[in-house]
Amino acid sequence: MPDNNYIINSKTCALLAIGNETKIIEKSRTLNINAEISSIISSNCYANCSTLEGRQKASAYLIGTNYKPPIILNEKTGIILIPTHSNRNKKCNWLVLANILNYYPGPNKMVQVEFNNNMKIDVPISYSIFDRQVLRATRLESILRGRKNQKF
């Protein structure tokens, strides 16, 4: 039975697809979970009273893009997840925006991502596409911050 009960939190840096399993990188440890990333993210969305599809549609509406939108997992904690590919792609990895310190172009259409704990990983995505994904996530973060400051 898959173990999709992992709770994505402020220590989570990345969820990486490894076949039918997920490698989770946190600030101080790495875990291997016997579940696909989509199952883990879906469980986290359900725990926050939504679905992955609902989160994607909301993000797409807010930032004006339908393809590979970042998602706000939990508005209260501000956790925003960035997909590297379409979530229907089994090779889609997800990174937590708040824990990305920097990223650099790497060889063979890879991006080296440095997290705020100085850990680095290579992600199989071109630099320009990853940069666009980070910009979309930052835009979503800005919109959500603006909504928090509005008085209704």
N, C-alpha and C. Protein backbone atom coordinates (compact mmCIF):
# COMPACT_ATOMS: atom_id res chain seq x y z
N MET A 1 0.85 -1.19 0.00
CA MET A 1 0.00 0.00 0.00
C MET A 1 0.89 1.24 0.00
N PRO A 2 0.59 2.23 -0.85
CA PRO A 2 1.43 3.42 -0.91
C PRO A 2 1.35 4.24 0.37
N ASP A 3 2.47 4.85 0.70
CA ASP A 3 2.54 5.72 1.87
C ASP A 3 2.49 7.16 1.39
N ASN A 4 1.27 7.67 1.16
CA ASN A 4 1.13 9.03 0.65
C ASN A 4 0.74 10.00 1.75
N ASN A 5 1.05 9.65 3.00
CA ASN A 5 0.67 10.49 4.14
C ASN A 5 1.71 11.55 4.48
N TYR A 6 2.72 11.73 3.66
CA TYR A 6 3.74 12.74 3.93
C TYR A 6 3.10 14.12 3.89
N ILE A 7 3.35 14.93 4.90
CA ILE A 7 2.82 16.29 4.96
C ILE A 7 3.90 17.25 4.48
N ILE A 8 3.63 17.91 3.38
CA ILE A 8 4.54 18.91 2.83
C ILE A 8 4.55 20.09 3.79
N ASN A 9 5.74 20.53 4.20
CA ASN A 9 5.83 21.56 5.23
C ASN A 9 6.96 22.53 4.90
N SER A 10 7.22 23.45 5.80
CA SER A 10 8.23 24.50 5.56
C SER A 10 9.64 23.94 5.43
N LYS A 11 9.88 22.71 5.87
CA LYS A 11 11.20 22.09 5.73
C LYS A 11 11.37 21.38 4.39
N THR A 12 10.28 21.15 3.70
CA THR A 12 10.32 20.43 2.42
C THR A 12 10.95 21.33 1.36
N CYS A 13 11.95 20.81 0.65
CA CYS A 13 12.60 21.56 -0.43
C CYS A 13 12.16 21.06 -1.80
N ALA A 14 12.08 19.74 -1.96
CA ALA A 14 11.74 19.19 -3.28
C ALA A 14 11.13 17.80 -3.15
N LEU A 15 10.28 17.48 -4.11
CA LEU A 15 9.73 16.14 -4.28
C LEU A 15 10.18 15.69 -5.66
N LEU A 16 10.95 14.60 -5.70
CA LEU A 16 11.56 14.14 -6.94
C LEU A 16 11.01 12.78 -7.34
N ALA A 17 10.63 12.64 -8.60
CA ALA A 17 10.08 11.38 -9.11
C ALA A 17 11.19 10.36 -9.32
N ILE A 18 11.03 9.21 -8.68
CA ILE A 18 11.95 8.09 -8.85
C ILE A 18 11.08 6.86 -9.16
N GLY A 19 10.71 6.72 -10.43
CA GLY A 19 9.81 5.62 -10.80
C GLY A 19 8.46 5.80 -10.13
N ASN A 20 8.02 4.77 -9.40
CA ASN A 20 6.75 4.85 -8.68
C ASN A 20 6.93 5.32 -7.24
N GLU A 21 8.12 5.77 -6.92
CA GLU A 21 8.40 6.29 -5.59
C GLU A 21 8.73 7.77 -5.67
N THR A 22 8.86 8.38 -4.51
CA THR A 22 9.18 9.81 -4.43
C THR A 22 10.34 10.01 -3.47
N LYS A 23 11.33 10.74 -3.92
CA LYS A 23 12.43 11.15 -3.04
C LYS A 23 12.09 12.55 -2.55
N ILE A 24 12.01 12.69 -1.25
CA ILE A 24 11.68 13.98 -0.66
C ILE A 24 12.92 14.55 -0.01
N ILE A 25 13.27 15.75 -0.42
CA ILE A 25 14.43 16.42 0.15
C ILE A 25 13.92 17.50 1.10
N GLU A 26 14.30 17.36 2.35
CA GLU A 26 13.99 18.37 3.36
C GLU A 26 15.29 19.09 3.71
N LYS A 27 15.20 20.13 4.50
CA LYS A 27 16.38 20.91 4.86
C LYS A 27 17.44 20.08 5.57
N SER A 28 17.05 19.10 6.37
CA SER A 28 18.04 18.35 7.13
C SER A 28 18.00 16.84 6.90
N ARG A 29 17.15 16.37 5.98
CA ARG A 29 17.10 14.93 5.72
C ARG A 29 16.50 14.65 4.35
N THR A 30 16.70 13.42 3.91
CA THR A 30 16.13 12.95 2.65
C THR A 30 15.32 11.69 2.94
N LEU A 31 14.13 11.62 2.36
CA LEU A 31 13.24 10.47 2.57
C LEU A 31 12.89 9.83 1.24
N ASN A 32 12.67 8.54 1.25
CA ASN A 32 12.11 7.85 0.10
C ASN A 32 10.74 7.34 0.51
N ILE A 33 9.73 7.76 -0.23
CA ILE A 33 8.35 7.41 0.08
C ILE A 33 7.83 6.48 -1.00
N ASN A 34 7.14 5.44 -0.59
CA ASN A 34 6.59 4.46 -1.52
C ASN A 34 5.24 4.95 -2.07
N ALA A 35 5.29 6.05 -2.80
CA ALA A 35 4.09 6.62 -3.43
C ALA A 35 4.54 7.57 -4.53
N GLU A 36 3.70 7.73 -5.53
CA GLU A 36 4.00 8.68 -6.60
C GLU A 36 3.77 10.10 -6.10
N ILE A 37 4.51 11.03 -6.69
CA ILE A 37 4.40 12.44 -6.29
C ILE A 37 2.96 12.94 -6.38
N SER A 38 2.28 12.60 -7.47
CA SER A 38 0.91 13.10 -7.66
C SER A 38 0.01 12.66 -6.52
N SER A 39 0.23 11.45 -6.00
CA SER A 39 -0.56 10.95 -4.88
C SER A 39 -0.27 11.75 -3.61
N ILE A 40 0.99 12.04 -3.37
CA ILE A 40 1.38 12.81 -2.18
C ILE A 40 0.81 14.23 -2.24
N ILE A 41 0.96 14.87 -3.40
CA ILE A 41 0.45 16.23 -3.54
C ILE A 41 -1.07 16.26 -3.45
N SER A 42 -1.72 15.30 -4.08
CA SER A 42 -3.19 15.22 -4.00
C SER A 42 -3.64 15.07 -2.55
N SER A 43 -2.98 14.20 -1.78
CA SER A 43 -3.34 14.01 -0.37
C SER A 43 -3.17 15.31 0.41
N ASN A 44 -2.11 16.06 0.11
CA ASN A 44 -1.89 17.34 0.79
C ASN A 44 -2.95 18.36 0.39
N CYS A 45 -3.36 18.35 -0.87
CA CYS A 45 -4.42 19.26 -1.30
C CYS A 45 -5.73 18.92 -0.59
N TYR A 46 -6.05 17.61 -0.52
CA TYR A 46 -7.27 17.19 0.18
C TYR A 46 -7.23 17.63 1.64
N ALA A 47 -6.07 17.51 2.28
CA ALA A 47 -5.93 17.91 3.68
C ALA A 47 -6.17 19.41 3.85
N ASN A 48 -6.01 20.17 2.77
CA ASN A 48 -6.25 21.61 2.80
C ASN A 48 -7.57 21.97 2.10
N CYS A 49 -8.49 20.99 2.08
CA CYS A 49 -9.86 21.19 1.58
C CYS A 49 -9.92 21.56 0.10
N SER A 50 -9.08 20.95 -0.71
CA SER A 50 -9.11 21.22 -2.14
C SER A 50 -8.59 19.99 -2.89
N THR A 51 -8.46 20.15 -4.19
CA THR A 51 -7.88 19.11 -5.03
C THR A 51 -6.71 19.72 -5.79
N LEU A 52 -5.86 18.87 -6.32
CA LEU A 52 -4.75 19.37 -7.14
C LEU A 52 -5.31 20.13 -8.34
N GLU A 53 -6.33 19.56 -8.98
CA GLU A 53 -6.94 20.24 -10.13
C GLU A 53 -7.52 21.59 -9.73
N GLY A 54 -8.17 21.65 -8.58
CA GLY A 54 -8.72 22.92 -8.10
C GLY A 54 -7.64 23.95 -7.82
N ARG A 55 -6.55 23.51 -7.22
CA ARG A 55 -5.42 24.41 -6.95
C ARG A 55 -4.81 24.93 -8.26
N GLN A 56 -4.68 24.03 -9.25
CA GLN A 56 -4.11 24.44 -10.53
C GLN A 56 -5.03 25.44 -11.24
N LYS A 57 -6.33 25.19 -11.21
CA LYS A 57 -7.27 26.11 -11.86
C LYS A 57 -7.26 27.47 -11.18
N ALA A 58 -7.17 27.48 -9.86
CA ALA A 58 -7.14 28.75 -9.13
C ALA A 58 -5.86 29.53 -9.47
N SER A 59 -4.74 28.84 -9.50
CA SER A 59 -3.47 29.50 -9.84
C SER A 59 -3.51 30.02 -11.27
N ALA A 60 -4.02 29.20 -12.18
CA ALA A 60 -4.11 29.61 -13.58
C ALA A 60 -4.97 30.86 -13.71
N TYR A 61 -6.04 30.92 -12.97
CA TYR A 61 -6.92 32.09 -12.99
C TYR A 61 -6.19 33.32 -12.45
N LEU A 62 -5.47 33.16 -11.35
CA LEU A 62 -4.80 34.30 -10.71
C LEU A 62 -3.63 34.84 -11.53
N ILE A 63 -2.84 33.95 -12.14
CA ILE A 63 -1.65 34.42 -12.86
C ILE A 63 -1.81 34.42 -14.37
N GLY A 64 -2.94 33.92 -14.87
CA GLY A 64 -3.21 34.00 -16.30
C GLY A 64 -2.46 33.02 -17.17
N THR A 65 -2.12 31.85 -16.64
CA THR A 65 -1.48 30.82 -17.45
C THR A 65 -2.09 29.47 -17.10
N ASN A 66 -2.32 28.66 -18.12
CA ASN A 66 -2.93 27.35 -17.89
C ASN A 66 -1.92 26.21 -17.90
N TYR A 67 -0.74 26.44 -18.46
CA TYR A 67 0.21 25.36 -18.63
C TYR A 67 1.22 25.32 -17.49
N LYS A 68 1.28 24.22 -16.80
CA LYS A 68 2.19 24.00 -15.67
C LYS A 68 2.12 25.11 -14.62
N PRO A 69 0.93 25.45 -14.15
CA PRO A 69 0.88 26.51 -13.13
C PRO A 69 1.45 26.03 -11.81
N PRO A 70 2.11 26.92 -11.07
CA PRO A 70 2.52 26.57 -9.71
C PRO A 70 1.24 26.47 -8.88
N ILE A 71 1.32 25.84 -7.74
CA ILE A 71 0.12 25.79 -6.89
C ILE A 71 0.45 26.31 -5.49
N ILE A 72 -0.54 26.95 -4.89
CA ILE A 72 -0.43 27.32 -3.49
C ILE A 72 -1.02 26.14 -2.72
N LEU A 73 -0.18 25.45 -1.99
CA LEU A 73 -0.63 24.27 -1.28
C LEU A 73 -1.47 24.66 -0.08
N ASN A 74 -1.03 25.69 0.61
CA ASN A 74 -1.72 26.14 1.81
C ASN A 74 -1.50 27.65 1.92
N GLU A 75 -2.58 28.40 1.79
CA GLU A 75 -2.45 29.86 1.79
C GLU A 75 -1.95 30.39 3.13
N LYS A 76 -2.33 29.73 4.21
CA LYS A 76 -1.92 30.19 5.54
C LYS A 76 -0.40 30.06 5.74
N THR A 77 0.17 28.93 5.30
CA THR A 77 1.61 28.73 5.47
C THR A 77 2.40 29.31 4.30
N GLY A 78 1.73 29.60 3.20
CA GLY A 78 2.38 30.21 2.05
C GLY A 78 3.23 29.25 1.23
N ILE A 79 3.00 27.95 1.37
CA ILE A 79 3.79 26.97 0.61
C ILE A 79 3.31 26.94 -0.84
N ILE A 80 4.23 27.31 -1.74
CA ILE A 80 3.94 27.31 -3.18
C ILE A 80 4.85 26.27 -3.82
N LEU A 81 4.23 25.38 -4.60
CA LEU A 81 4.96 24.31 -5.27
C LEU A 81 5.12 24.63 -6.75
N ILE A 82 6.33 24.40 -7.26
CA ILE A 82 6.66 24.66 -8.67
C ILE A 82 6.84 23.33 -9.38
N PRO A 83 6.03 23.05 -10.42
CA PRO A 83 6.23 21.82 -11.19
C PRO A 83 7.29 22.01 -12.28
N THR A 84 8.04 20.96 -12.56
CA THR A 84 9.02 21.04 -13.64
C THR A 84 8.42 20.63 -14.98
N HIS A 85 7.36 19.86 -14.94
CA HIS A 85 6.69 19.37 -16.15
C HIS A 85 5.19 19.39 -15.88
N SER A 86 4.42 18.97 -16.85
CA SER A 86 2.99 18.78 -16.62
C SER A 86 2.83 17.74 -15.52
N ASN A 87 1.85 17.92 -14.64
CA ASN A 87 1.69 16.95 -13.55
C ASN A 87 1.24 15.58 -14.06
N ARG A 88 0.81 15.50 -15.32
CA ARG A 88 0.46 14.20 -15.91
C ARG A 88 1.72 13.43 -16.32
N ASN A 89 2.85 14.11 -16.39
CA ASN A 89 4.12 13.49 -16.74
C ASN A 89 4.71 12.83 -15.49
N LYS A 90 4.99 11.55 -15.56
CA LYS A 90 5.52 10.82 -14.40
C LYS A 90 6.90 11.33 -13.97
N LYS A 91 7.57 12.12 -14.83
CA LYS A 91 8.88 12.67 -14.49
C LYS A 91 8.78 14.06 -13.87
N CYS A 92 7.56 14.52 -13.59
CA CYS A 92 7.37 15.85 -13.02
C CYS A 92 7.88 15.88 -11.58
N ASN A 93 8.79 16.80 -11.32
CA ASN A 93 9.29 17.06 -9.97
C ASN A 93 8.64 18.34 -9.48
N TRP A 94 8.54 18.50 -8.18
CA TRP A 94 7.96 19.70 -7.59
C TRP A 94 8.95 20.27 -6.58
N LEU A 95 9.14 21.59 -6.63
CA LEU A 95 10.05 22.27 -5.70
C LEU A 95 9.28 23.33 -4.93
N VAL A 96 9.70 23.57 -3.70
CA VAL A 96 9.04 24.56 -2.84
C VAL A 96 9.74 25.91 -3.05
N LEU A 97 8.98 26.88 -3.52
CA LEU A 97 9.52 28.20 -3.85
C LEU A 97 10.30 28.82 -2.70
N ALA A 98 9.76 28.82 -1.51
CA ALA A 98 10.36 29.52 -0.37
C ALA A 98 11.74 28.98 0.00
N ASN A 99 12.05 27.74 -0.39
CA ASN A 99 13.33 27.15 0.00
C ASN A 99 14.38 27.20 -1.10
N ILE A 100 14.05 27.82 -2.23
CA ILE A 100 15.02 27.98 -3.31
C ILE A 100 15.82 29.25 -3.06
N LEU A 101 17.12 29.09 -2.92
CA LEU A 101 18.01 30.24 -2.73
C LEU A 101 18.45 30.79 -4.08
N ASN A 102 18.85 29.89 -5.00
CA ASN A 102 19.32 30.31 -6.30
C ASN A 102 19.28 29.12 -7.25
N TYR A 103 19.47 29.39 -8.53
CA TYR A 103 19.53 28.31 -9.51
C TYR A 103 20.41 28.77 -10.67
N TYR A 104 21.08 27.78 -11.27
CA TYR A 104 22.09 28.08 -12.29
C TYR A 104 21.91 27.12 -13.47
N PRO A 105 22.28 27.57 -14.68
CA PRO A 105 22.26 26.63 -15.80
C PRO A 105 23.32 25.55 -15.60
N GLY A 106 22.94 24.33 -15.93
CA GLY A 106 23.88 23.22 -15.83
C GLY A 106 24.05 22.57 -17.19
N PRO A 107 24.85 21.53 -17.27
CA PRO A 107 25.06 20.85 -18.55
C PRO A 107 23.85 19.99 -18.94
N ASN A 108 23.73 19.72 -20.22
CA ASN A 108 22.71 18.79 -20.74
C ASN A 108 21.28 19.15 -20.34
N LYS A 109 20.93 20.42 -20.53
CA LYS A 109 19.57 20.90 -20.21
C LYS A 109 19.17 20.59 -18.77
N MET A 110 20.10 20.81 -17.88
CA MET A 110 19.84 20.64 -16.45
C MET A 110 19.94 22.00 -15.78
N VAL A 111 19.29 22.11 -14.63
CA VAL A 111 19.39 23.29 -13.79
C VAL A 111 19.91 22.84 -12.44
N GLN A 112 20.90 23.55 -11.94
CA GLN A 112 21.35 23.26 -10.59
C GLN A 112 20.60 24.20 -9.65
N VAL A 113 19.84 23.61 -8.74
CA VAL A 113 19.05 24.37 -7.79
C VAL A 113 19.74 24.33 -6.43
N GLU A 114 19.93 25.51 -5.86
CA GLU A 114 20.53 25.62 -4.53
C GLU A 114 19.44 26.05 -3.57
N PHE A 115 19.29 25.27 -2.50
CA PHE A 115 18.28 25.59 -1.50
C PHE A 115 18.89 26.45 -0.40
N ASN A 116 18.03 27.02 0.44
CA ASN A 116 18.53 27.94 1.46
C ASN A 116 19.30 27.26 2.59
N ASN A 117 19.46 25.94 2.53
CA ASN A 117 20.35 25.23 3.46
C ASN A 117 21.68 24.90 2.78
N ASN A 118 21.91 25.49 1.59
CA ASN A 118 23.10 25.32 0.75
C ASN A 118 23.21 23.97 0.06
N MET A 119 22.20 23.11 0.18
CA MET A 119 22.17 21.85 -0.56
C MET A 119 21.87 22.16 -2.02
N LYS A 120 22.49 21.40 -2.93
CA LYS A 120 22.27 21.60 -4.36
C LYS A 120 21.81 20.30 -5.00
N ILE A 121 20.89 20.42 -5.95
CA ILE A 121 20.46 19.27 -6.73
C ILE A 121 20.42 19.66 -8.20
N ASP A 122 20.57 18.68 -9.07
CA ASP A 122 20.42 18.90 -10.51
C ASP A 122 19.02 18.45 -10.91
N VAL A 123 18.33 19.33 -11.62
CA VAL A 123 16.96 19.05 -12.04
C VAL A 123 16.93 18.99 -13.57
N PRO A 124 16.34 17.93 -14.14
CA PRO A 124 16.30 17.79 -15.60
C PRO A 124 15.26 18.69 -16.26
N ILE A 125 15.64 19.93 -16.45
CA ILE A 125 14.79 20.93 -17.09
C ILE A 125 15.73 22.03 -17.60
N SER A 126 15.36 22.66 -18.69
CA SER A 126 16.23 23.73 -19.20
C SER A 126 16.14 24.95 -18.28
N TYR A 127 17.21 25.72 -18.26
CA TYR A 127 17.26 26.90 -17.40
C TYR A 127 16.13 27.87 -17.72
N SER A 128 15.89 28.14 -19.01
CA SER A 128 14.87 29.13 -19.38
C SER A 128 13.46 28.69 -18.94
N ILE A 129 13.17 27.41 -19.07
CA ILE A 129 11.86 26.93 -18.64
C ILE A 129 11.74 27.00 -17.12
N PHE A 130 12.79 26.61 -16.41
CA PHE A 130 12.75 26.66 -14.95
C PHE A 130 12.63 28.10 -14.47
N ASP A 131 13.36 29.00 -15.11
CA ASP A 131 13.28 30.41 -14.75
C ASP A 131 11.85 30.93 -14.92
N ARG A 132 11.20 30.54 -16.00
CA ARG A 132 9.81 30.93 -16.24
C ARG A 132 8.89 30.37 -15.14
N GLN A 133 9.15 29.14 -14.73
CA GLN A 133 8.33 28.53 -13.67
C GLN A 133 8.51 29.26 -12.34
N VAL A 134 9.74 29.64 -12.03
CA VAL A 134 10.01 30.39 -10.80
C VAL A 134 9.33 31.76 -10.85
N LEU A 135 9.39 32.41 -12.01
CA LEU A 135 8.74 33.72 -12.15
C LEU A 135 7.23 33.61 -11.97
N ARG A 136 6.63 32.55 -12.51
CA ARG A 136 5.19 32.34 -12.32
C ARG A 136 4.86 32.14 -10.84
N ALA A 137 5.68 31.36 -10.16
CA ALA A 137 5.45 31.11 -8.74
C ALA A 137 5.62 32.39 -7.92
N THR A 138 6.60 33.18 -8.28
CA THR A 138 6.83 34.46 -7.59
C THR A 138 5.66 35.41 -7.82
N ARG A 139 5.14 35.38 -9.03
CA ARG A 139 3.96 36.21 -9.34
C ARG A 139 2.76 35.77 -8.51
N LEU A 140 2.56 34.45 -8.39
CA LEU A 140 1.48 33.93 -7.56
C LEU A 140 1.66 34.35 -6.11
N GLU A 141 2.88 34.26 -5.63
CA GLU A 141 3.19 34.66 -4.26
C GLU A 141 2.86 36.15 -4.04
N SER A 142 3.21 36.97 -5.00
CA SER A 142 2.95 38.41 -4.91
C SER A 142 1.44 38.69 -4.88
N ILE A 143 0.70 38.01 -5.72
CA ILE A 143 -0.76 38.19 -5.75
C ILE A 143 -1.37 37.78 -4.42
N LEU A 144 -0.92 36.67 -3.87
CA LEU A 144 -1.45 36.21 -2.59
C LEU A 144 -1.09 37.16 -1.46
N ARG A 145 0.12 37.70 -1.49
CA ARG A 145 0.54 38.67 -0.49
C ARG A 145 -0.34 39.92 -0.57
N GLY A 146 -0.63 40.37 -1.79
CA GLY A 146 -1.50 41.52 -1.98
C GLY A 146 -2.89 41.29 -1.44
N ARG A 147 -3.40 40.07 -1.62
CA ARG A 147 -4.73 39.74 -1.10
C ARG A 147 -4.76 39.76 0.42
N LYS A 148 -3.66 39.35 1.06
CA LYS A 148 -3.61 39.36 2.52
C LYS A 148 -3.68 40.78 3.07
N ASN A 149 -3.14 41.74 2.30
CA ASN A 149 -3.09 43.13 2.75
C ASN A 149 -4.37 43.89 2.45
N GLN A 150 -5.28 43.30 1.66
CA GLN A 150 -6.53 43.98 1.34
C GLN A 150 -7.48 43.90 2.53
N LYS A 151 -8.21 44.95 2.70
CA LYS A 151 -9.24 44.96 3.73
C LYS A 151 -10.59 44.84 3.04
N PHE A 152 -11.37 43.87 3.47
CA PHE A 152 -12.68 43.64 2.85
C PHE A 152 -13.78 44.23 3.68
